[in-house]
Amino acid sequence: MARPGGNPNFGKDEHAFTCDRPEPRDKLLQVRIEDSLLTRLKSLDNWQDLVRQEIAEILEKQGKGVPDHLKEVY
C-alpha cells in the first residue's frame, strides 16, 4: 500500500533521469584485471572516459565503427 500523502509526480517526467549526451551511459561493462593495473588506471584523471575512448578506437580498428551519433563524443 502506498504511503498516504506521497509524491503524485514521482516517476513522471518531472523527476525522470536525463542526460546531455546523445545516448545515456546506463550499461555496465565488467572486466577482470590485476589489482596493480586497476590502481594505476584509477590514478589517471578521467580514467573512465579514457577507457571509453580506447574501446571506441578498438571498434574503429576492427571495422565495427562507432555509431554516428556518438562520433562527436569520442
N, C-alpha and C. Protein backbone atom coordinates (compact mmCIF):
# COMPACT_ATOMS: atom_id res chain seq x y z
N MET A 1 0.84 -1.18 0.00
CA MET A 1 0.00 0.00 0.00
C MET A 1 0.88 1.24 0.00
N ALA A 2 0.54 2.19 -0.82
CA ALA A 2 1.32 3.42 -0.93
C ALA A 2 1.17 4.26 0.34
N ARG A 3 2.20 5.02 0.59
CA ARG A 3 2.18 5.90 1.74
C ARG A 3 1.22 7.05 1.48
N PRO A 4 0.32 7.34 2.40
CA PRO A 4 -0.60 8.46 2.21
C PRO A 4 0.19 9.77 2.11
N GLY A 5 -0.22 10.62 1.21
CA GLY A 5 0.45 11.91 1.06
C GLY A 5 1.74 11.82 0.26
N GLY A 6 1.96 10.72 -0.43
CA GLY A 6 3.18 10.56 -1.23
C GLY A 6 3.22 11.52 -2.40
N ASN A 7 4.33 11.56 -3.09
CA ASN A 7 4.51 12.46 -4.22
C ASN A 7 3.79 11.89 -5.45
N PRO A 8 2.73 12.54 -5.92
CA PRO A 8 1.99 12.02 -7.07
C PRO A 8 2.76 12.12 -8.39
N ASN A 9 3.79 12.96 -8.44
CA ASN A 9 4.57 13.13 -9.66
C ASN A 9 5.82 12.26 -9.70
N PHE A 10 6.04 11.45 -8.68
CA PHE A 10 7.24 10.62 -8.64
C PHE A 10 7.23 9.64 -9.81
N GLY A 11 8.34 9.56 -10.52
CA GLY A 11 8.44 8.64 -11.66
C GLY A 11 7.94 9.22 -12.96
N LYS A 12 7.44 10.41 -12.95
CA LYS A 12 6.97 11.05 -14.19
C LYS A 12 8.08 11.95 -14.72
N ASP A 13 7.83 12.61 -15.83
CA ASP A 13 8.85 13.42 -16.50
C ASP A 13 9.53 14.43 -15.58
N GLU A 14 8.80 14.94 -14.64
CA GLU A 14 9.34 15.97 -13.75
C GLU A 14 10.55 15.46 -12.96
N HIS A 15 10.56 14.19 -12.60
CA HIS A 15 11.64 13.63 -11.79
C HIS A 15 12.42 12.54 -12.52
N ALA A 16 12.23 12.42 -13.80
CA ALA A 16 12.90 11.38 -14.58
C ALA A 16 14.37 11.73 -14.79
N PHE A 17 15.22 10.72 -14.90
CA PHE A 17 16.64 10.92 -15.15
C PHE A 17 16.84 11.40 -16.58
N THR A 18 17.66 12.41 -16.76
CA THR A 18 18.00 12.91 -18.09
C THR A 18 19.51 13.14 -18.14
N CYS A 19 20.04 13.17 -19.36
CA CYS A 19 21.46 13.47 -19.52
C CYS A 19 21.62 14.34 -20.76
N ASP A 20 22.78 14.98 -20.87
CA ASP A 20 23.03 15.86 -22.01
C ASP A 20 23.81 15.16 -23.12
N ARG A 21 23.98 13.85 -23.01
CA ARG A 21 24.68 13.08 -24.03
C ARG A 21 23.69 12.56 -25.07
N PRO A 22 24.19 12.21 -26.27
CA PRO A 22 23.29 11.67 -27.30
C PRO A 22 22.68 10.32 -26.89
N GLU A 23 23.36 9.60 -26.02
CA GLU A 23 22.87 8.30 -25.57
C GLU A 23 23.29 8.12 -24.11
N PRO A 24 22.41 7.71 -23.23
CA PRO A 24 22.78 7.57 -21.82
C PRO A 24 23.80 6.45 -21.60
N ARG A 25 24.63 6.64 -20.61
CA ARG A 25 25.62 5.61 -20.24
C ARG A 25 25.04 4.81 -19.09
N ASP A 26 24.14 3.92 -19.41
CA ASP A 26 23.43 3.19 -18.37
C ASP A 26 23.73 1.69 -18.38
N LYS A 27 24.72 1.27 -19.15
CA LYS A 27 25.10 -0.14 -19.21
C LYS A 27 26.45 -0.33 -18.52
N LEU A 28 26.62 -1.47 -17.90
CA LEU A 28 27.84 -1.76 -17.16
C LEU A 28 28.67 -2.79 -17.92
N LEU A 29 29.97 -2.51 -18.05
CA LEU A 29 30.92 -3.44 -18.64
C LEU A 29 31.86 -3.86 -17.53
N GLN A 30 31.99 -5.15 -17.33
CA GLN A 30 32.84 -5.65 -16.26
C GLN A 30 33.99 -6.45 -16.85
N VAL A 31 35.21 -6.10 -16.45
CA VAL A 31 36.41 -6.76 -16.94
C VAL A 31 37.30 -7.06 -15.74
N ARG A 32 37.82 -8.27 -15.69
CA ARG A 32 38.72 -8.64 -14.60
C ARG A 32 40.16 -8.33 -14.99
N ILE A 33 40.82 -7.51 -14.17
CA ILE A 33 42.23 -7.18 -14.40
C ILE A 33 42.98 -7.28 -13.07
N GLU A 34 44.29 -7.21 -13.17
CA GLU A 34 45.13 -7.29 -11.99
C GLU A 34 44.95 -6.05 -11.12
N ASP A 35 45.13 -6.23 -9.82
CA ASP A 35 44.97 -5.13 -8.86
C ASP A 35 45.94 -3.99 -9.17
N SER A 36 47.16 -4.33 -9.52
CA SER A 36 48.15 -3.28 -9.80
C SER A 36 47.75 -2.43 -11.01
N LEU A 37 47.17 -3.06 -12.03
CA LEU A 37 46.71 -2.30 -13.20
C LEU A 37 45.54 -1.39 -12.84
N LEU A 38 44.62 -1.92 -12.05
CA LEU A 38 43.46 -1.11 -11.66
C LEU A 38 43.89 0.09 -10.83
N THR A 39 44.82 -0.10 -9.94
CA THR A 39 45.32 1.00 -9.11
C THR A 39 45.95 2.08 -9.98
N ARG A 40 46.78 1.67 -10.94
CA ARG A 40 47.42 2.63 -11.84
C ARG A 40 46.40 3.32 -12.74
N LEU A 41 45.43 2.56 -13.22
CA LEU A 41 44.39 3.13 -14.08
C LEU A 41 43.58 4.18 -13.33
N LYS A 42 43.18 3.87 -12.11
CA LYS A 42 42.36 4.81 -11.33
C LYS A 42 43.14 6.05 -10.90
N SER A 43 44.45 6.01 -11.00
CA SER A 43 45.24 7.19 -10.65
C SER A 43 45.21 8.24 -11.75
N LEU A 44 44.74 7.86 -12.95
CA LEU A 44 44.65 8.80 -14.07
C LEU A 44 43.41 9.68 -13.94
N ASP A 45 43.55 10.93 -14.35
CA ASP A 45 42.38 11.82 -14.38
C ASP A 45 41.41 11.33 -15.46
N ASN A 46 40.14 11.33 -15.15
CA ASN A 46 39.09 10.93 -16.10
C ASN A 46 39.35 9.55 -16.69
N TRP A 47 39.75 8.61 -15.87
CA TRP A 47 40.11 7.28 -16.37
C TRP A 47 38.95 6.59 -17.07
N GLN A 48 37.71 6.84 -16.62
CA GLN A 48 36.57 6.19 -17.26
C GLN A 48 36.43 6.66 -18.71
N ASP A 49 36.60 7.96 -18.93
CA ASP A 49 36.50 8.49 -20.29
C ASP A 49 37.64 7.97 -21.17
N LEU A 50 38.82 7.83 -20.59
CA LEU A 50 39.94 7.28 -21.35
C LEU A 50 39.65 5.85 -21.80
N VAL A 51 39.07 5.05 -20.92
CA VAL A 51 38.73 3.67 -21.28
C VAL A 51 37.67 3.66 -22.37
N ARG A 52 36.67 4.53 -22.26
CA ARG A 52 35.63 4.61 -23.30
C ARG A 52 36.23 4.97 -24.65
N GLN A 53 37.18 5.91 -24.65
CA GLN A 53 37.83 6.31 -25.90
C GLN A 53 38.61 5.15 -26.51
N GLU A 54 39.32 4.41 -25.68
CA GLU A 54 40.08 3.27 -26.19
C GLU A 54 39.15 2.19 -26.76
N ILE A 55 38.03 1.97 -26.12
CA ILE A 55 37.06 0.99 -26.64
C ILE A 55 36.54 1.44 -28.00
N ALA A 56 36.25 2.73 -28.13
CA ALA A 56 35.79 3.26 -29.41
C ALA A 56 36.86 3.09 -30.49
N GLU A 57 38.13 3.32 -30.14
CA GLU A 57 39.22 3.15 -31.10
C GLU A 57 39.37 1.69 -31.52
N ILE A 58 39.22 0.77 -30.57
CA ILE A 58 39.30 -0.66 -30.90
C ILE A 58 38.19 -1.03 -31.87
N LEU A 59 36.99 -0.54 -31.64
CA LEU A 59 35.87 -0.83 -32.54
C LEU A 59 36.14 -0.29 -33.94
N GLU A 60 36.70 0.91 -34.01
CA GLU A 60 37.03 1.50 -35.32
C GLU A 60 38.07 0.65 -36.05
N LYS A 61 39.12 0.24 -35.33
CA LYS A 61 40.18 -0.57 -35.95
C LYS A 61 39.66 -1.92 -36.42
N GLN A 62 38.70 -2.48 -35.72
CA GLN A 62 38.14 -3.78 -36.08
C GLN A 62 37.07 -3.66 -37.17
N GLY A 63 36.77 -2.45 -37.59
CA GLY A 63 35.79 -2.24 -38.64
C GLY A 63 34.35 -2.26 -38.15
N LYS A 64 34.16 -2.26 -36.84
CA LYS A 64 32.80 -2.26 -36.28
C LYS A 64 32.25 -0.85 -36.18
N GLY A 65 33.13 0.12 -36.09
CA GLY A 65 32.72 1.51 -36.05
C GLY A 65 31.99 1.92 -34.79
N VAL A 66 31.84 3.21 -34.67
CA VAL A 66 31.10 3.82 -33.57
C VAL A 66 29.87 4.45 -34.20
N PRO A 67 28.70 4.31 -33.60
CA PRO A 67 27.50 4.93 -34.18
C PRO A 67 27.71 6.42 -34.44
N ASP A 68 27.14 6.91 -35.51
CA ASP A 68 27.33 8.30 -35.93
C ASP A 68 27.00 9.29 -34.81
N HIS A 69 25.96 9.02 -34.05
CA HIS A 69 25.56 9.98 -33.01
C HIS A 69 26.54 10.01 -31.84
N LEU A 70 27.49 9.07 -31.79
CA LEU A 70 28.49 9.07 -30.72
C LEU A 70 29.86 9.53 -31.19
N LYS A 71 30.04 9.74 -32.48
CA LYS A 71 31.36 10.12 -33.00
C LYS A 71 31.83 11.45 -32.44
N GLU A 72 30.93 12.38 -32.19
CA GLU A 72 31.34 13.67 -31.63
C GLU A 72 31.78 13.53 -30.18
N VAL A 73 31.31 12.49 -29.49
CA VAL A 73 31.68 12.27 -28.09
C VAL A 73 33.06 11.66 -28.00
N TYR A 74 33.38 10.73 -28.91
CA TYR A 74 34.67 10.04 -28.87
C TYR A 74 35.53 10.51 -30.00
